[in-house]
Amino acid sequence: MKFKKTLLAASLAALSLSAFAQTEDASKDPVETGPSTDWAVTANVSLVSEYRFRGIAQTFGQPAIQGGFDIAMPYGFYVGNWNSNVASGAGYPSGNLETDLYGGWKYAFNEDFGLDTGVLFYLYPGSKGSTATGPFMTADGAGYAGPNSGMVNNFEYYIGGNWKTLSLKEFIAFSDYFGQVSPTGGSTSGTSYTDLTGTQDFGFIDPSLSTWGVVGHLGFLAVRNYSAANYVDWKLGITKDLGNGWMASASYIQTNANGNCGSVATSTQPYCLGKTWDSSGQVTGTPRNLGNATGVVQITKTF
């Protein structure tokens, strides 16, 4: 599941929000663009201790290799691609790869205010959804509400704005949210996610600290037709611009989706999952809550 969804071309000193947001949602925040008539292509590759998307674990505590490219076009238009390994147990039966395709338009009204809007496709090649699989469980633990048959995917529209180094962005799913349906079979199209992110470098303390910064994030997921799957996530992190296109970060991430998973068969926690599926499409393995608190470290190289 994935903003986050990311071009990291701008340095910490320039306070690029995309550079800070990529731990949480790497593919969803393309590079800041102005009314330039030029074209620009950048690429990035990252190693992260665990992939978290909107606060939810995507790799069951294991590392991820991530990367993509962005094309900034004249007059603020952009397109891009971003990819990461994922764990099939995180909601993508038989799928181990996420690939995101996105495009949109950014406009800076002045040095302080900007607008960003576009569309984002999430694809999980090789995944095979069915109504027997998925992260959302019925309230009494009787079964799963899982991804629709076929490859797991998601299609979202986003719109947001920024004031200086504070950004607010809204994402709305045009499709069933990552292919999920509610336990009663209701559509999750229209699910929304609100992302509030702020950054600050330490240059105001002393110019020698301008390559260090802090990032804070607060998000809220509202799943249509399944309120038990709603949750809030938050993050607090520190970043370091290492120079020559290298960026490092360390973050603490938590959600209120955590709880006592119990067993896979009886859990009422919407985000409790075993790591694998059996041949009949049922979740197996020791259940883990995908929204538990964790620390994440990351290093990124931008070309």
Protein backbone atom coordinates (compact mmCIF):
# COMPACT_ATOMS: atom_id res chain seq x y z
CA MET A 1 0.00 0.00 0.00
CA LYS A 2 1.77 2.78 -0.56
CA PHE A 3 2.97 8.84 -1.42
CA LYS A 4 4.04 8.40 -0.02
CA LYS A 5 4.30 7.58 -2.45
CA THR A 6 9.48 11.37 -4.42
CA LEU A 7 12.22 13.00 -5.95
CA LEU A 8 15.01 13.71 -3.50
CA ALA A 9 16.81 16.15 -5.75
CA ALA A 10 16.46 19.13 -3.43
CA SER A 11 18.72 19.14 -0.40
CA LEU A 12 17.76 19.47 3.23
CA ALA A 13 19.12 22.99 3.24
CA ALA A 14 16.50 23.87 0.63
CA LEU A 15 13.86 22.20 2.80
CA SER A 16 12.36 20.08 0.03
CA LEU A 17 9.30 18.37 1.50
CA SER A 18 9.70 15.48 -0.91
CA ALA A 19 13.10 14.76 0.52
CA PHE A 20 11.64 14.41 4.01
CA ALA A 21 8.47 12.54 3.12
CA GLN A 22 10.01 9.60 1.32
CA THR A 23 10.44 7.39 4.41
CA GLU A 24 6.71 7.48 4.98
CA ASP A 25 5.47 7.58 1.42
CA ALA A 26 8.33 7.78 -0.97
CA SER A 27 6.63 7.67 -4.32
CA LYS A 28 3.90 10.17 -3.71
CA ASP A 29 5.66 13.52 -3.39
CA PRO A 30 7.35 14.44 -6.67
CA VAL A 31 9.93 17.16 -6.84
CA GLU A 32 8.88 20.78 -6.37
CA THR A 33 8.50 22.48 -9.73
CA GLY A 34 7.95 26.08 -10.73
CA PRO A 35 6.86 27.73 -13.99
CA SER A 36 10.12 26.73 -15.69
CA THR A 37 10.10 25.88 -19.40
CA ASP A 38 12.96 23.43 -18.91
CA TRP A 39 12.97 19.64 -18.69
CA ALA A 40 14.78 17.80 -15.88
CA VAL A 41 15.27 14.11 -15.13
CA THR A 42 16.44 12.79 -11.77
CA ALA A 43 16.65 9.32 -10.24
CA ASN A 44 16.95 8.01 -6.70
CA VAL A 45 17.77 4.77 -4.89
CA SER A 46 17.29 4.05 -1.19
CA LEU A 47 17.98 1.40 1.42
CA VAL A 48 15.49 1.48 4.32
CA SER A 49 15.41 -0.69 7.45
CA GLU A 50 11.65 -1.26 7.04
CA TYR A 51 9.15 0.01 4.50
CA ARG A 52 6.25 1.79 6.17
CA PHE A 53 3.36 3.19 4.15
CA ARG A 54 1.03 5.53 5.97
CA GLY A 55 2.39 4.03 9.18
CA ILE A 56 1.62 0.42 8.17
CA ALA A 57 4.41 -2.15 7.76
CA GLN A 58 4.97 -3.37 4.21
CA THR A 59 7.98 -5.66 4.74
CA PHE A 60 7.28 -7.28 8.16
CA GLY A 61 10.27 -5.63 9.81
CA GLN A 62 12.66 -6.49 7.00
CA PRO A 63 14.74 -4.04 4.89
CA ALA A 64 13.64 -2.71 1.54
CA ILE A 65 15.46 -1.48 -1.55
CA GLN A 66 13.60 1.36 -3.24
CA GLY A 67 14.10 3.64 -6.18
CA GLY A 68 12.62 5.48 -9.09
CA PHE A 69 12.88 8.47 -11.40
CA ASP A 70 11.10 11.77 -11.95
CA ILE A 71 10.68 13.90 -15.05
CA ALA A 72 9.95 17.58 -14.48
CA MET A 73 8.38 19.14 -17.57
CA PRO A 74 7.69 22.72 -18.60
CA TYR A 75 5.17 24.81 -16.66
CA GLY A 76 5.12 22.62 -13.55
CA PHE A 77 3.98 19.30 -15.03
CA TYR A 78 5.71 16.10 -13.93
CA VAL A 79 5.57 12.30 -14.25
CA GLY A 80 7.46 9.63 -12.35
CA ASN A 81 7.89 6.05 -11.24
CA TRP A 82 8.87 4.53 -7.88
CA ASN A 83 9.41 0.91 -6.81
CA SER A 84 9.98 -1.14 -3.65
CA ASN A 85 9.99 -4.72 -2.50
CA VAL A 86 7.06 -5.63 -0.23
CA ALA A 87 6.01 -8.69 1.77
CA SER A 88 3.14 -10.61 0.21
CA GLY A 89 1.63 -11.02 3.67
CA ALA A 90 1.14 -7.26 3.96
CA GLY A 91 -1.91 -7.50 1.71
CA TYR A 92 -0.50 -8.59 -1.67
CA PRO A 93 -0.99 -12.36 -2.07
CA SER A 94 1.89 -13.80 -4.14
CA GLY A 95 3.16 -10.27 -4.80
CA ASN A 96 6.59 -9.04 -3.72
CA LEU A 97 6.95 -5.80 -5.70
CA GLU A 98 5.25 -2.43 -5.59
CA THR A 99 5.54 -0.15 -8.59
CA ASP A 100 3.98 3.31 -8.61
CA LEU A 101 3.22 5.51 -11.61
CA TYR A 102 2.22 9.12 -11.06
CA GLY A 103 1.80 12.42 -12.80
CA GLY A 104 0.56 15.86 -11.97
CA TRP A 105 1.10 19.57 -11.86
CA LYS A 106 2.78 21.85 -9.31
CA TYR A 107 2.67 25.61 -9.17
CA ALA A 108 4.44 28.02 -6.81
CA PHE A 109 2.41 31.21 -6.36
CA ASN A 110 5.33 32.81 -4.54
CA GLU A 111 8.18 31.81 -2.22
CA ASP A 112 5.75 30.72 0.50
CA PHE A 113 2.68 29.22 -1.19
CA GLY A 114 2.35 26.35 -3.65
CA LEU A 115 -0.19 23.89 -5.10
CA ASP A 116 0.24 20.24 -6.10
CA THR A 117 -2.35 17.99 -7.77
CA GLY A 118 -2.24 14.76 -9.74
CA VAL A 119 -3.04 11.06 -9.96
CA LEU A 120 -1.20 8.02 -8.65
CA PHE A 121 -1.39 4.35 -9.65
CA TYR A 122 -0.10 1.61 -7.30
CA LEU A 123 0.55 -1.77 -8.92
CA TYR A 124 1.70 -5.10 -7.43
CA PRO A 125 2.81 -7.33 -10.31
CA GLY A 126 2.27 -11.03 -9.69
CA SER A 127 -0.20 -10.52 -6.86
CA LYS A 128 -3.39 -12.55 -6.94
CA GLY A 129 -6.19 -11.14 -4.85
CA SER A 130 -9.27 -13.09 -3.79
CA THR A 131 -12.12 -12.52 -1.36
CA ALA A 132 -10.41 -14.90 1.09
CA THR A 133 -7.35 -12.72 1.59
CA GLY A 134 -6.53 -9.30 2.86
CA PRO A 135 -5.71 -7.22 5.92
CA PHE A 136 -9.26 -6.26 6.88
CA MET A 137 -11.05 -8.77 9.18
CA THR A 138 -14.72 -8.99 10.09
CA ALA A 139 -15.70 -7.56 13.45
CA ASP A 140 -16.25 -11.03 14.95
CA GLY A 141 -13.11 -12.52 13.41
CA ALA A 142 -15.17 -14.85 11.21
CA GLY A 143 -13.29 -14.08 8.01
CA TYR A 144 -11.41 -11.63 5.90
CA ALA A 145 -12.44 -8.86 3.60
CA GLY A 146 -9.74 -9.03 1.00
CA PRO A 147 -8.55 -7.73 -2.34
CA ASN A 148 -10.66 -8.34 -5.40
CA SER A 149 -9.64 -11.13 -7.74
CA GLY A 150 -6.66 -10.38 -9.95
CA MET A 151 -3.63 -8.17 -9.46
CA VAL A 152 -3.80 -5.87 -6.42
CA ASN A 153 -3.80 -2.20 -7.41
CA ASN A 154 -5.01 1.22 -6.34
CA PHE A 155 -5.83 4.47 -8.15
CA GLU A 156 -5.82 7.77 -6.25
CA TYR A 157 -6.27 11.45 -6.91
CA TYR A 158 -4.39 13.91 -4.73
CA ILE A 159 -4.46 17.64 -4.15
CA GLY A 160 -2.54 19.68 -1.64
CA GLY A 161 -0.81 22.90 -0.84
CA ASN A 162 2.18 24.12 1.06
CA TRP A 163 2.97 27.19 3.12
CA LYS A 164 6.72 27.55 3.48
CA THR A 165 7.83 24.15 4.87
CA LEU A 166 4.35 23.01 6.00
CA SER A 167 2.26 20.92 3.59
CA LEU A 168 -1.28 19.54 3.69
CA LYS A 169 -2.37 16.97 1.11
CA GLU A 170 -5.52 14.92 0.57
CA PHE A 171 -5.64 11.56 -1.26
CA ILE A 172 -8.91 10.05 -2.49
CA ALA A 173 -9.18 6.51 -3.89
CA PHE A 174 -11.09 6.26 -7.17
CA SER A 175 -10.94 2.45 -6.98
CA ASP A 176 -11.51 0.03 -4.12
CA TYR A 177 -8.70 0.90 -1.70
CA PHE A 178 -5.84 -1.39 -2.79
CA GLY A 179 -8.49 -3.73 -4.12
CA GLN A 180 -10.08 -4.17 -0.69
CA VAL A 181 -13.78 -4.55 -0.05
CA SER A 182 -15.45 -4.23 3.35
CA PRO A 183 -16.36 -7.34 5.37
CA THR A 184 -19.94 -6.94 4.13
CA GLY A 185 -18.81 -6.62 0.52
CA GLY A 186 -19.17 -2.85 0.32
CA SER A 187 -16.93 -0.83 -1.96
CA THR A 188 -14.02 1.08 -0.41
CA SER A 189 -13.81 3.50 -3.33
CA GLY A 190 -13.77 6.98 -1.87
CA THR A 191 -11.40 6.09 0.95
CA SER A 192 -9.38 9.16 1.89
CA TYR A 193 -6.01 9.85 3.48
CA THR A 194 -5.01 13.23 4.92
CA ASP A 195 -1.29 14.02 5.20
CA LEU A 196 0.06 16.96 7.24
CA THR A 197 3.87 17.27 7.14
CA GLY A 198 6.24 19.94 8.38
CA THR A 199 10.02 20.31 8.22
CA GLN A 200 12.62 22.57 9.76
CA ASP A 201 16.38 22.70 9.40
CA PHE A 202 18.64 23.74 12.27
CA GLY A 203 20.36 26.54 10.39
CA PHE A 204 18.48 29.12 12.45
CA ILE A 205 20.49 27.93 15.47
CA ASP A 206 23.83 28.05 13.71
CA PRO A 207 24.73 28.00 9.99
CA SER A 208 26.94 24.96 10.61
CA LEU A 209 23.78 22.98 11.49
CA SER A 210 21.92 23.79 8.27
CA THR A 211 22.46 20.26 6.91
CA TRP A 212 20.54 18.81 9.87
CA GLY A 213 16.78 18.95 10.08
CA VAL A 214 13.65 17.60 11.72
CA VAL A 215 10.44 16.34 10.12
CA GLY A 216 7.02 15.80 11.69
CA HIS A 217 4.04 14.04 10.11
CA LEU A 218 0.40 13.39 11.07
CA GLY A 219 -1.95 11.34 8.89
CA PHE A 220 -5.52 10.02 9.03
CA LEU A 221 -6.97 7.17 6.94
CA ALA A 222 -10.78 7.00 6.58
CA VAL A 223 -11.85 3.73 4.91
CA ARG A 224 -15.23 3.99 3.23
CA ASN A 225 -17.76 1.40 4.45
CA TYR A 226 -15.36 0.04 7.08
CA SER A 227 -14.79 2.46 9.94
CA ALA A 228 -13.00 -0.20 12.04
CA ALA A 229 -10.09 0.13 9.60
CA ASN A 230 -9.71 3.88 10.18
CA TYR A 231 -6.58 4.98 12.02
CA VAL A 232 -4.21 7.86 12.75
CA ASP A 233 -0.46 7.65 12.14
CA TRP A 234 2.36 10.00 13.11
CA LYS A 235 6.10 10.32 12.63
CA LEU A 236 8.96 12.32 14.08
CA GLY A 237 12.34 12.14 12.41
CA ILE A 238 15.74 13.71 11.99
CA THR A 239 17.55 14.08 8.67
CA LYS A 240 21.10 14.75 7.57
CA ASP A 241 22.21 16.02 4.17
CA LEU A 242 25.51 14.20 3.58
CA GLY A 243 26.31 16.06 0.37
CA ASN A 244 26.84 14.86 -3.20
CA GLY A 245 23.23 13.69 -3.42
CA TRP A 246 23.30 11.57 -0.25
CA MET A 247 20.63 11.92 2.44
CA ALA A 248 20.22 9.96 5.70
CA SER A 249 17.27 9.90 8.08
CA ALA A 250 16.05 8.23 11.27
CA SER A 251 12.37 8.30 12.26
CA TYR A 252 10.01 7.08 14.95
CA ILE A 253 6.67 5.94 13.48
CA GLN A 254 3.50 4.96 15.34
CA THR A 255 -0.22 4.45 14.69
CA ASN A 256 -3.30 3.88 16.83
CA ALA A 257 -3.99 0.77 14.73
CA ASN A 258 -1.83 -1.30 17.08
CA GLY A 259 -3.29 -3.74 19.61
CA ASN A 260 -3.35 -7.37 20.74
CA CYS A 261 -3.49 -9.51 17.61
CA GLY A 262 -4.18 -12.80 19.39
CA SER A 263 -4.44 -15.46 16.69
CA VAL A 264 -5.11 -15.01 13.00
CA ALA A 265 -8.33 -16.98 13.29
CA THR A 266 -9.89 -14.95 16.12
CA SER A 267 -8.33 -11.50 15.92
CA THR A 268 -10.62 -8.51 15.53
CA GLN A 269 -7.74 -6.15 14.72
CA PRO A 270 -8.07 -4.91 11.12
CA TYR A 271 -4.30 -4.80 10.52
CA CYS A 272 -3.25 -8.12 12.07
CA LEU A 273 -1.79 -10.48 9.48
CA GLY A 274 0.31 -13.59 9.22
CA LYS A 275 3.30 -13.40 6.94
CA THR A 276 2.11 -15.79 4.21
CA TRP A 277 -0.96 -17.38 2.60
CA ASP A 278 -1.68 -21.09 2.17
CA SER A 279 -2.88 -22.71 -1.05
CA SER A 280 -6.52 -22.00 -0.21
CA GLY A 281 -5.88 -18.28 0.14
CA GLN A 282 -5.93 -18.12 3.95
CA VAL A 283 -3.46 -16.09 5.98
CA THR A 284 -0.95 -18.27 7.85
CA GLY A 285 1.92 -17.74 10.26
CA THR A 286 2.20 -15.94 13.59
CA PRO A 287 0.05 -12.79 13.39
CA ARG A 288 1.70 -9.40 13.64
CA ASN A 289 0.08 -6.01 13.94
CA LEU A 290 1.27 -4.01 10.95
CA GLY A 291 0.65 -0.70 12.72
CA ASN A 292 2.92 -1.22 15.73
CA ALA A 293 5.40 1.49 16.74
CA THR A 294 8.86 1.25 15.21
CA GLY A 295 12.02 3.08 14.32
CA VAL A 296 13.13 3.38 10.70
CA VAL A 297 16.49 4.42 9.28
CA GLN A 298 17.13 5.22 5.64
CA ILE A 299 19.89 6.34 3.31
CA THR A 300 19.17 7.72 -0.16
CA LYS A 301 21.25 8.69 -3.17
CA THR A 302 19.86 11.08 -5.75
CA PHE A 303 21.35 11.28 -9.24
